[in-house]
Amino acid sequence: MGNYLQPITGFGVGKVIDSRNPEFMEGDLVWGITGWEEYSLLKSSEGLFKIHHTDIPLSYYTGILGMPGLTAYGGFYEVCAPKKGEYVFVSAASGAVGQLVGQFAKLMGCYVVGSAGTRDKVELLKNKFGFDDAFNYKEEPDLNAALKRYFPEGIDIYFENVGGKMLDAVLLNMRVRGRIAVCGMISQYNCDQPEGVYNLMSIVYKRVRIEGFAVADYYPQYSKFLDFILPYIREGKIKYVEDIVEGLENGPTALIGLFNGRNVGKQVVLVASQ
């Protein structure tokens, strides 16, 4: 037997064209793990969610109403256990998850600063998403000094999407009993040798709690999450930005672009219109 090439898989939105599962009927709209292909044969319905609210753009189910939204919701409210007035820092803050975490924090009455990799993204964070402040990490030669400038009182909550040097600098700036929710570490994904983190004694001095999590932890809360977020979307109280590329053939370029920050907001590939 030879090695068979398999399509990349990822979170997608699709329409059921045939089903042997009584829970899913022909014509149903669904989101979940699909292949990067025009038609996918799904052998299990685990992690597949039926779409009931179609007054919202279907692409939102790849983002704010799908995996990134549920990730932001579970990671911020459950892992971080935020309180009104706390100081919150979000890295990769203009991405699909980060932009939502920042807005959730503002809804809680927190002070929120985000980091991003271009001046345009920094302006987006401040002007569209309502962050209290934001900075371009590429323009900061000393991340520790930058964080001290934006958080003179220190950081209560860090929503971690980056890892590496940013995490190291954050550890020096955490407040006593601060929380770090580890959602991802995109700076480390393609490293041959992961970067070391050197300021770990800050965890002891400051009694910092660091916790990783996965979106699947919060699948049972999906209906509760929808009840929470749909009114905010419909009332325009939560903003959401997508970067939509048309055509499956443009998918690889879009994927590679994630690692150098080419996308603004959630990267979506439109394979076919409904």
C-alpha atoms as a PDB file:
ATOM      1  CA  MET A   1       0.000   0.000   0.000  1.00  0.00           C
ATOM      2  CA  GLY A   2       1.375   3.417  -0.922  1.00  0.00           C
ATOM      3  CA  ASN A   3       1.028   6.662   0.973  1.00  0.00           C
ATOM      4  CA  TYR A   4      -2.194   8.434   0.047  1.00  0.00           C
ATOM      5  CA  LEU A   5      -2.246  12.202  -0.161  1.00  0.00           C
ATOM      6  CA  GLN A   6      -4.905  13.647   2.105  1.00  0.00           C
ATOM      7  CA  PRO A   7      -6.499  17.093   1.940  1.00  0.00           C
ATOM      8  CA  ILE A   8      -5.701  19.548   4.728  1.00  0.00           C
ATOM      9  CA  THR A   9      -8.457  19.677   7.329  1.00  0.00           C
ATOM     10  CA  GLY A  10      -9.713  22.700   9.189  1.00  0.00           C
ATOM     11  CA  PHE A  11     -12.845  24.372  10.483  1.00  0.00           C
ATOM     12  CA  GLY A  12     -15.316  25.037   7.712  1.00  0.00           C
ATOM     13  CA  VAL A  13     -18.960  25.690   6.897  1.00  0.00           C
ATOM     14  CA  GLY A  14     -20.874  23.439   4.524  1.00  0.00           C
ATOM     15  CA  LYS A  15     -24.258  22.259   3.326  1.00  0.00           C
ATOM     16  CA  VAL A  16     -25.351  18.642   3.752  1.00  0.00           C
ATOM     17  CA  ILE A  17     -26.025  17.083   0.343  1.00  0.00           C
ATOM     18  CA  ASP A  18     -26.544  13.517   1.606  1.00  0.00           C
ATOM     19  CA  SER A  19     -26.717  12.007   5.085  1.00  0.00           C
ATOM     20  CA  ARG A  20     -27.013   8.647   6.789  1.00  0.00           C
ATOM     21  CA  ASN A  21     -27.108  10.323  10.191  1.00  0.00           C
ATOM     22  CA  PRO A  22     -30.680  11.043  11.373  1.00  0.00           C
ATOM     23  CA  GLU A  23     -29.480  14.197  13.171  1.00  0.00           C
ATOM     24  CA  PHE A  24     -28.420  15.833   9.894  1.00  0.00           C
ATOM     25  CA  MET A  25     -30.746  16.163   6.924  1.00  0.00           C
ATOM     26  CA  GLU A  26     -30.112  17.086   3.304  1.00  0.00           C
ATOM     27  CA  GLY A  27     -29.988  20.890   3.049  1.00  0.00           C
ATOM     28  CA  ASP A  28     -28.835  21.452   6.645  1.00  0.00           C
ATOM     29  CA  LEU A  29     -26.038  23.969   7.120  1.00  0.00           C
ATOM     30  CA  VAL A  30     -23.249  22.874   9.448  1.00  0.00           C
ATOM     31  CA  TRP A  31     -19.852  23.941  10.795  1.00  0.00           C
ATOM     32  CA  GLY A  32     -17.020  21.801  12.094  1.00  0.00           C
ATOM     33  CA  ILE A  33     -13.887  20.037  10.870  1.00  0.00           C
ATOM     34  CA  THR A  34     -13.987  19.597   7.093  1.00  0.00           C
ATOM     35  CA  GLY A  35     -11.456  19.028   4.336  1.00  0.00           C
ATOM     36  CA  TRP A  36      -9.985  21.760   2.167  1.00  0.00           C
ATOM     37  CA  GLU A  37     -12.033  20.506  -0.768  1.00  0.00           C
ATOM     38  CA  GLU A  38     -15.307  21.189  -2.539  1.00  0.00           C
ATOM     39  CA  TYR A  39     -16.979  18.076  -1.103  1.00  0.00           C
ATOM     40  CA  SER A  40     -16.108  16.302   2.157  1.00  0.00           C
ATOM     41  CA  LEU A  41     -17.138  12.848   3.340  1.00  0.00           C
ATOM     42  CA  LEU A  42     -17.448  13.078   7.138  1.00  0.00           C
ATOM     43  CA  LYS A  43     -17.487   9.695   8.867  1.00  0.00           C
ATOM     44  CA  SER A  44     -18.370  11.068  12.291  1.00  0.00           C
ATOM     45  CA  SER A  45     -20.657  13.841  13.485  1.00  0.00           C
ATOM     46  CA  GLU A  46     -18.482  14.493  16.548  1.00  0.00           C
ATOM     47  CA  GLY A  47     -17.620  18.205  16.716  1.00  0.00           C
ATOM     48  CA  LEU A  48     -20.134  19.013  13.966  1.00  0.00           C
ATOM     49  CA  PHE A  49     -22.699  21.708  14.771  1.00  0.00           C
ATOM     50  CA  LYS A  50     -25.934  22.477  12.949  1.00  0.00           C
ATOM     51  CA  ILE A  51     -26.401  26.132  11.978  1.00  0.00           C
ATOM     52  CA  HIS A  52     -29.786  27.536  13.047  1.00  0.00           C
ATOM     53  CA  HIS A  53     -29.179  31.292  12.867  1.00  0.00           C
ATOM     54  CA  THR A  54     -28.843  32.300   9.218  1.00  0.00           C
ATOM     55  CA  ASP A  55     -29.492  36.032   9.636  1.00  0.00           C
ATOM     56  CA  ILE A  56     -25.747  36.232  10.460  1.00  0.00           C
ATOM     57  CA  PRO A  57     -23.187  35.794   7.611  1.00  0.00           C
ATOM     58  CA  LEU A  58     -22.340  32.096   7.216  1.00  0.00           C
ATOM     59  CA  SER A  59     -18.626  32.948   7.223  1.00  0.00           C
ATOM     60  CA  TYR A  60     -19.056  33.971  10.888  1.00  0.00           C
ATOM     61  CA  TYR A  61     -19.365  30.261  11.723  1.00  0.00           C
ATOM     62  CA  THR A  62     -15.677  29.882  10.816  1.00  0.00           C
ATOM     63  CA  GLY A  63     -14.949  32.660  13.297  1.00  0.00           C
ATOM     64  CA  ILE A  64     -16.969  34.560  15.877  1.00  0.00           C
ATOM     65  CA  LEU A  65     -19.767  31.943  15.960  1.00  0.00           C
ATOM     66  CA  GLY A  66     -17.424  28.977  15.531  1.00  0.00           C
ATOM     67  CA  MET A  67     -14.117  27.767  16.900  1.00  0.00           C
ATOM     68  CA  PRO A  68     -12.432  31.181  17.460  1.00  0.00           C
ATOM     69  CA  GLY A  69     -15.495  32.638  19.191  1.00  0.00           C
ATOM     70  CA  LEU A  70     -15.898  29.658  21.496  1.00  0.00           C
ATOM     71  CA  THR A  71     -12.141  29.708  22.160  1.00  0.00           C
ATOM     72  CA  ALA A  72     -12.243  33.376  23.181  1.00  0.00           C
ATOM     73  CA  TYR A  73     -15.334  32.804  25.331  1.00  0.00           C
ATOM     74  CA  GLY A  74     -14.011  29.754  27.194  1.00  0.00           C
ATOM     75  CA  GLY A  75     -10.462  31.036  27.493  1.00  0.00           C
ATOM     76  CA  PHE A  76     -11.397  34.456  28.782  1.00  0.00           C
ATOM     77  CA  TYR A  77     -14.408  33.842  31.002  1.00  0.00           C
ATOM     78  CA  GLU A  78     -13.545  30.359  32.297  1.00  0.00           C
ATOM     79  CA  VAL A  79      -9.727  30.234  32.386  1.00  0.00           C
ATOM     80  CA  CYS A  80      -9.005  33.895  33.148  1.00  0.00           C
ATOM     81  CA  ALA A  81     -11.923  34.417  35.580  1.00  0.00           C
ATOM     82  CA  PRO A  82     -11.910  38.193  34.925  1.00  0.00           C
ATOM     83  CA  LYS A  83     -13.108  40.870  37.330  1.00  0.00           C
ATOM     84  CA  LYS A  84     -14.226  44.400  36.577  1.00  0.00           C
ATOM     85  CA  GLY A  85     -11.370  46.907  36.516  1.00  0.00           C
ATOM     86  CA  GLU A  86      -8.576  44.378  35.911  1.00  0.00           C
ATOM     87  CA  TYR A  87      -5.670  45.038  33.547  1.00  0.00           C
ATOM     88  CA  VAL A  88      -5.774  42.777  30.477  1.00  0.00           C
ATOM     89  CA  PHE A  89      -3.141  42.247  27.794  1.00  0.00           C
ATOM     90  CA  VAL A  90      -3.863  40.361  24.545  1.00  0.00           C
ATOM     91  CA  SER A  91      -1.144  39.364  22.059  1.00  0.00           C
ATOM     92  CA  ALA A  92      -1.944  38.790  18.355  1.00  0.00           C
ATOM     93  CA  ALA A  93      -4.888  40.962  19.305  1.00  0.00           C
ATOM     94  CA  SER A  94      -6.273  41.637  15.824  1.00  0.00           C
ATOM     95  CA  GLY A  95      -6.546  37.919  15.032  1.00  0.00           C
ATOM     96  CA  ALA A  96      -9.750  35.901  15.050  1.00  0.00           C
ATOM     97  CA  VAL A  97      -9.574  35.130  18.788  1.00  0.00           C
ATOM     98  CA  GLY A  98      -7.711  38.179  20.085  1.00  0.00           C
ATOM     99  CA  GLN A  99     -10.142  40.747  18.689  1.00  0.00           C
ATOM    100  CA  LEU A 100     -12.972  39.047  20.599  1.00  0.00           C
ATOM    101  CA  VAL A 101     -11.087  38.615  23.874  1.00  0.00           C
ATOM    102  CA  GLY A 102     -10.353  42.353  23.918  1.00  0.00           C
ATOM    103  CA  GLN A 103     -14.000  43.221  23.353  1.00  0.00           C
ATOM    104  CA  PHE A 104     -15.168  40.729  25.999  1.00  0.00           C
ATOM    105  CA  ALA A 105     -12.748  42.362  28.434  1.00  0.00           C
ATOM    106  CA  LYS A 106     -14.140  45.829  27.630  1.00  0.00           C
ATOM    107  CA  LEU A 107     -17.679  44.533  28.201  1.00  0.00           C
ATOM    108  CA  MET A 108     -16.459  43.391  31.656  1.00  0.00           C
ATOM    109  CA  GLY A 109     -15.167  46.875  32.436  1.00  0.00           C
ATOM    110  CA  CYS A 110     -11.478  45.951  32.194  1.00  0.00           C
ATOM    111  CA  TYR A 111      -8.561  48.041  30.920  1.00  0.00           C
ATOM    112  CA  VAL A 112      -7.326  46.376  27.719  1.00  0.00           C
ATOM    113  CA  VAL A 113      -4.144  46.707  25.649  1.00  0.00           C
ATOM    114  CA  GLY A 114      -3.321  44.606  22.586  1.00  0.00           C
ATOM    115  CA  SER A 115      -0.227  43.965  20.504  1.00  0.00           C
ATOM    116  CA  ALA A 116      -0.147  43.431  16.740  1.00  0.00           C
ATOM    117  CA  GLY A 117       2.399  43.471  13.928  1.00  0.00           C
ATOM    118  CA  THR A 118       1.458  46.489  11.780  1.00  0.00           C
ATOM    119  CA  ARG A 119       0.401  50.091  12.377  1.00  0.00           C
ATOM    120  CA  ASP A 120      -2.882  49.455  10.548  1.00  0.00           C
ATOM    121  CA  LYS A 121      -3.721  46.612  12.926  1.00  0.00           C
ATOM    122  CA  VAL A 122      -2.868  48.798  15.908  1.00  0.00           C
ATOM    123  CA  GLU A 123      -5.278  51.462  14.646  1.00  0.00           C
ATOM    124  CA  LEU A 124      -7.934  48.779  14.117  1.00  0.00           C
ATOM    125  CA  LEU A 125      -7.590  47.647  17.728  1.00  0.00           C
ATOM    126  CA  LYS A 126      -8.013  51.175  19.066  1.00  0.00           C
ATOM    127  CA  ASN A 127     -10.601  52.556  16.651  1.00  0.00           C
ATOM    128  CA  LYS A 128     -12.812  49.582  15.729  1.00  0.00           C
ATOM    129  CA  PHE A 129     -12.483  47.084  18.560  1.00  0.00           C
ATOM    130  CA  GLY A 130     -12.366  49.640  21.366  1.00  0.00           C
ATOM    131  CA  PHE A 131      -9.098  48.592  23.045  1.00  0.00           C
ATOM    132  CA  ASP A 132      -7.845  51.233  25.469  1.00  0.00           C
ATOM    133  CA  ASP A 133      -4.441  51.132  23.772  1.00  0.00           C
ATOM    134  CA  ALA A 134      -2.328  49.002  21.435  1.00  0.00           C
ATOM    135  CA  PHE A 135       1.218  48.797  20.136  1.00  0.00           C
ATOM    136  CA  ASN A 136       3.209  47.329  17.246  1.00  0.00           C
ATOM    137  CA  TYR A 137       5.556  44.787  18.822  1.00  0.00           C
ATOM    138  CA  LYS A 138       7.883  45.010  15.790  1.00  0.00           C
ATOM    139  CA  GLU A 139       8.606  48.642  16.670  1.00  0.00           C
ATOM    140  CA  GLU A 140       9.498  47.857  20.288  1.00  0.00           C
ATOM    141  CA  PRO A 141      13.189  46.969  20.811  1.00  0.00           C
ATOM    142  CA  ASP A 142      12.487  46.190  24.487  1.00  0.00           C
ATOM    143  CA  LEU A 143       9.186  44.401  25.121  1.00  0.00           C
ATOM    144  CA  ASN A 144       9.614  44.567  28.889  1.00  0.00           C
ATOM    145  CA  ALA A 145       9.930  48.375  28.709  1.00  0.00           C
ATOM    146  CA  ALA A 146       6.940  48.561  26.352  1.00  0.00           C
ATOM    147  CA  LEU A 147       4.734  46.590  28.741  1.00  0.00           C
ATOM    148  CA  LYS A 148       5.838  48.738  31.682  1.00  0.00           C
ATOM    149  CA  ARG A 149       4.818  51.784  29.655  1.00  0.00           C
ATOM    150  CA  TYR A 150       1.331  50.438  28.887  1.00  0.00           C
ATOM    151  CA  PHE A 151       0.830  48.707  32.241  1.00  0.00           C
ATOM    152  CA  PRO A 152       2.571  50.793  34.917  1.00  0.00           C
ATOM    153  CA  GLU A 153       0.432  48.938  37.507  1.00  0.00           C
ATOM    154  CA  GLY A 154       1.175  45.528  35.985  1.00  0.00           C
ATOM    155  CA  ILE A 155      -0.973  42.928  34.186  1.00  0.00           C
ATOM    156  CA  ASP A 156      -3.756  40.906  35.830  1.00  0.00           C
ATOM    157  CA  ILE A 157      -4.672  38.800  32.785  1.00  0.00           C
ATOM    158  CA  TYR A 158      -2.575  37.862  29.777  1.00  0.00           C
ATOM    159  CA  PHE A 159      -4.314  36.093  26.893  1.00  0.00           C
ATOM    160  CA  GLU A 160      -1.404  34.287  25.238  1.00  0.00           C
ATOM    161  CA  ASN A 161      -1.358  33.752  21.480  1.00  0.00           C
ATOM    162  CA  VAL A 162       2.324  34.311  20.709  1.00  0.00           C
ATOM    163  CA  GLY A 163       4.824  32.763  23.154  1.00  0.00           C
ATOM    164  CA  GLY A 164       8.579  33.303  22.988  1.00  0.00           C
ATOM    165  CA  LYS A 165       9.979  36.735  23.820  1.00  0.00           C
ATOM    166  CA  MET A 166       6.525  38.196  24.447  1.00  0.00           C
ATOM    167  CA  LEU A 167       5.693  35.630  27.121  1.00  0.00           C
ATOM    168  CA  ASP A 168       9.089  36.212  28.741  1.00  0.00           C
ATOM    169  CA  ALA A 169       8.454  39.965  28.950  1.00  0.00           C
ATOM    170  CA  VAL A 170       4.899  39.488  30.234  1.00  0.00           C
ATOM    171  CA  LEU A 171       6.101  37.314  33.130  1.00  0.00           C
ATOM    172  CA  LEU A 172       8.126  40.264  34.450  1.00  0.00           C
ATOM    173  CA  ASN A 173       5.031  42.473  34.356  1.00  0.00           C
ATOM    174  CA  MET A 174       2.382  40.249  35.919  1.00  0.00           C
ATOM    175  CA  ARG A 175       0.617  41.386  39.068  1.00  0.00           C
ATOM    176  CA  VAL A 176       0.250  39.207  42.152  1.00  0.00           C
ATOM    177  CA  ARG A 177      -2.227  36.373  41.498  1.00  0.00           C
ATOM    178  CA  GLY A 178      -2.332  37.157  37.789  1.00  0.00           C
ATOM    179  CA  ARG A 179      -3.657  34.629  35.268  1.00  0.00           C
ATOM    180  CA  ILE A 180      -2.267  33.619  31.889  1.00  0.00           C
ATOM    181  CA  ALA A 181      -4.555  31.694  29.529  1.00  0.00           C
ATOM    182  CA  VAL A 182      -2.409  29.909  26.944  1.00  0.00           C
ATOM    183  CA  CYS A 183      -4.426  29.733  23.731  1.00  0.00           C
ATOM    184  CA  GLY A 184      -1.516  29.419  21.287  1.00  0.00           C
ATOM    185  CA  MET A 185       2.123  30.318  20.617  1.00  0.00           C
ATOM    186  CA  ILE A 186       2.323  31.153  16.926  1.00  0.00           C
ATOM    187  CA  SER A 187       5.905  32.463  17.166  1.00  0.00           C
ATOM    188  CA  GLN A 188       7.026  28.920  18.050  1.00  0.00           C
ATOM    189  CA  TYR A 189       5.099  26.774  15.560  1.00  0.00           C
ATOM    190  CA  ASN A 190       7.760  26.673  12.859  1.00  0.00           C
ATOM    191  CA  CYS A 191      10.879  26.843  15.045  1.00  0.00           C
ATOM    192  CA  ASP A 192      13.414  24.033  14.699  1.00  0.00           C
ATOM    193  CA  GLN A 193      14.396  24.750  18.294  1.00  0.00           C
ATOM    194  CA  PRO A 194      11.737  26.426  20.502  1.00  0.00           C
ATOM    195  CA  GLU A 195      12.830  29.642  22.212  1.00  0.00           C
ATOM    196  CA  GLY A 196      13.555  29.428  25.916  1.00  0.00           C
ATOM    197  CA  VAL A 197      11.529  31.305  28.526  1.00  0.00           C
ATOM    198  CA  TYR A 198      13.820  32.692  31.219  1.00  0.00           C
ATOM    199  CA  ASN A 199      11.648  34.664  33.661  1.00  0.00           C
ATOM    200  CA  LEU A 200       9.822  31.701  35.168  1.00  0.00           C
ATOM    201  CA  MET A 201      10.666  32.700  38.765  1.00  0.00           C
ATOM    202  CA  SER A 202       8.116  35.500  38.337  1.00  0.00           C
ATOM    203  CA  ILE A 203       5.462  32.776  38.516  1.00  0.00           C
ATOM    204  CA  VAL A 204       6.630  32.047  42.060  1.00  0.00           C
ATOM    205  CA  TYR A 205       7.115  35.654  43.188  1.00  0.00           C
ATOM    206  CA  LYS A 206       3.764  36.784  41.819  1.00  0.00           C
ATOM    207  CA  ARG A 207       1.770  33.552  42.432  1.00  0.00           C
ATOM    208  CA  VAL A 208       0.824  33.525  38.757  1.00  0.00           C
ATOM    209  CA  ARG A 209      -1.460  30.804  37.376  1.00  0.00           C
ATOM    210  CA  ILE A 210      -0.742  29.651  33.816  1.00  0.00           C
ATOM    211  CA  GLU A 211      -3.262  27.343  32.177  1.00  0.00           C
ATOM    212  CA  GLY A 212      -3.494  25.931  28.680  1.00  0.00           C
ATOM    213  CA  PHE A 213      -6.835  24.977  27.173  1.00  0.00           C
ATOM    214  CA  ALA A 214      -8.455  23.642  23.988  1.00  0.00           C
ATOM    215  CA  VAL A 215     -11.697  24.723  22.346  1.00  0.00           C
ATOM    216  CA  ALA A 216     -13.137  21.203  22.588  1.00  0.00           C
ATOM    217  CA  ASP A 217     -13.252  21.711  26.379  1.00  0.00           C
ATOM    218  CA  TYR A 218     -16.115  24.151  25.765  1.00  0.00           C
ATOM    219  CA  TYR A 219     -18.164  22.340  23.098  1.00  0.00           C
ATOM    220  CA  PRO A 220     -20.809  21.420  25.728  1.00  0.00           C
ATOM    221  CA  GLN A 221     -21.301  25.161  26.331  1.00  0.00           C
ATOM    222  CA  TYR A 222     -21.876  26.046  22.668  1.00  0.00           C
ATOM    223  CA  SER A 223     -25.608  26.804  22.972  1.00  0.00           C
ATOM    224  CA  LYS A 224     -24.938  28.935  26.071  1.00  0.00           C
ATOM    225  CA  PHE A 225     -22.218  30.759  24.109  1.00  0.00           C
ATOM    226  CA  LEU A 226     -24.638  31.502  21.243  1.00  0.00           C
ATOM    227  CA  ASP A 227     -27.223  32.893  23.693  1.00  0.00           C
ATOM    228  CA  PHE A 228     -24.488  35.156  25.066  1.00  0.00           C
ATOM    229  CA  ILE A 229     -22.969  36.455  21.841  1.00  0.00           C
ATOM    230  CA  LEU A 230     -25.791  36.654  19.260  1.00  0.00           C
ATOM    231  CA  PRO A 231     -27.504  39.657  20.907  1.00  0.00           C
ATOM    232  CA  TYR A 232     -24.175  41.533  20.996  1.00  0.00           C
ATOM    233  CA  ILE A 233     -23.627  40.877  17.267  1.00  0.00           C
ATOM    234  CA  ARG A 234     -27.168  41.864  16.300  1.00  0.00           C
ATOM    235  CA  GLU A 235     -26.973  45.053  18.365  1.00  0.00           C
ATOM    236  CA  GLY A 236     -23.563  45.956  16.898  1.00  0.00           C
ATOM    237  CA  LYS A 237     -21.927  45.872  20.342  1.00  0.00           C
ATOM    238  CA  ILE A 238     -19.260  43.408  19.189  1.00  0.00           C
ATOM    239  CA  LYS A 239     -17.349  44.096  15.967  1.00  0.00           C
ATOM    240  CA  TYR A 240     -15.774  41.363  13.887  1.00  0.00           C
ATOM    241  CA  VAL A 241     -13.298  41.571  11.018  1.00  0.00           C
ATOM    242  CA  GLU A 242     -12.651  38.863   8.425  1.00  0.00           C
ATOM    243  CA  ASP A 243     -10.054  38.575   5.678  1.00  0.00           C
ATOM    244  CA  ILE A 244     -11.829  36.653   2.899  1.00  0.00           C
ATOM    245  CA  VAL A 245      -9.913  35.088   0.009  1.00  0.00           C
ATOM    246  CA  GLU A 246     -11.959  33.672  -2.872  1.00  0.00           C
ATOM    247  CA  GLY A 247     -11.109  30.332  -4.450  1.00  0.00           C
ATOM    248  CA  LEU A 248      -9.738  27.105  -2.997  1.00  0.00           C
ATOM    249  CA  GLU A 249      -6.648  27.529  -5.186  1.00  0.00           C
ATOM    250  CA  ASN A 250      -5.736  30.608  -3.100  1.00  0.00           C
ATOM    251  CA  GLY A 251      -5.950  28.657   0.182  1.00  0.00           C
ATOM    252  CA  PRO A 252      -2.224  27.777   0.473  1.00  0.00           C
ATOM    253  CA  THR A 253      -1.142  31.414   0.021  1.00  0.00           C
ATOM    254  CA  ALA A 254      -3.677  32.495   2.657  1.00  0.00           C
ATOM    255  CA  LEU A 255      -2.438  29.821   5.077  1.00  0.00           C
ATOM    256  CA  ILE A 256       1.220  30.791   4.690  1.00  0.00           C
ATOM    257  CA  GLY A 257       0.267  34.452   5.139  1.00  0.00           C
ATOM    258  CA  LEU A 258      -0.931  33.721   8.683  1.00  0.00           C
ATOM    259  CA  PHE A 259       2.654  33.189   9.816  1.00  0.00           C
ATOM    260  CA  ASN A 260       3.869  36.601   8.673  1.00  0.00           C
ATOM    261  CA  GLY A 261       0.738  38.544   9.613  1.00  0.00           C
ATOM    262  CA  ARG A 262      -0.602  39.210   6.117  1.00  0.00           C
ATOM    263  CA  ASN A 263      -4.184  38.642   7.230  1.00  0.00           C
ATOM    264  CA  VAL A 264      -6.290  41.211   9.058  1.00  0.00           C
ATOM    265  CA  GLY A 265      -8.738  39.440  11.346  1.00  0.00           C
ATOM    266  CA  LYS A 266     -10.039  35.935  10.707  1.00  0.00           C
ATOM    267  CA  GLN A 267      -8.603  34.382   7.545  1.00  0.00           C
ATOM    268  CA  VAL A 268     -11.387  32.758   5.525  1.00  0.00           C
ATOM    269  CA  VAL A 269     -11.194  30.935   2.190  1.00  0.00           C
ATOM    270  CA  LEU A 270     -14.452  31.032   0.208  1.00  0.00           C
ATOM    271  CA  VAL A 271     -14.669  27.745  -1.724  1.00  0.00           C
ATOM    272  CA  ALA A 272     -18.208  28.185  -3.102  1.00  0.00           C
ATOM    273  CA  SER A 273     -21.177  30.444  -2.475  1.00  0.00           C
ATOM    274  CA  GLN A 274     -24.362  28.893  -1.120  1.00  0.00           C
END
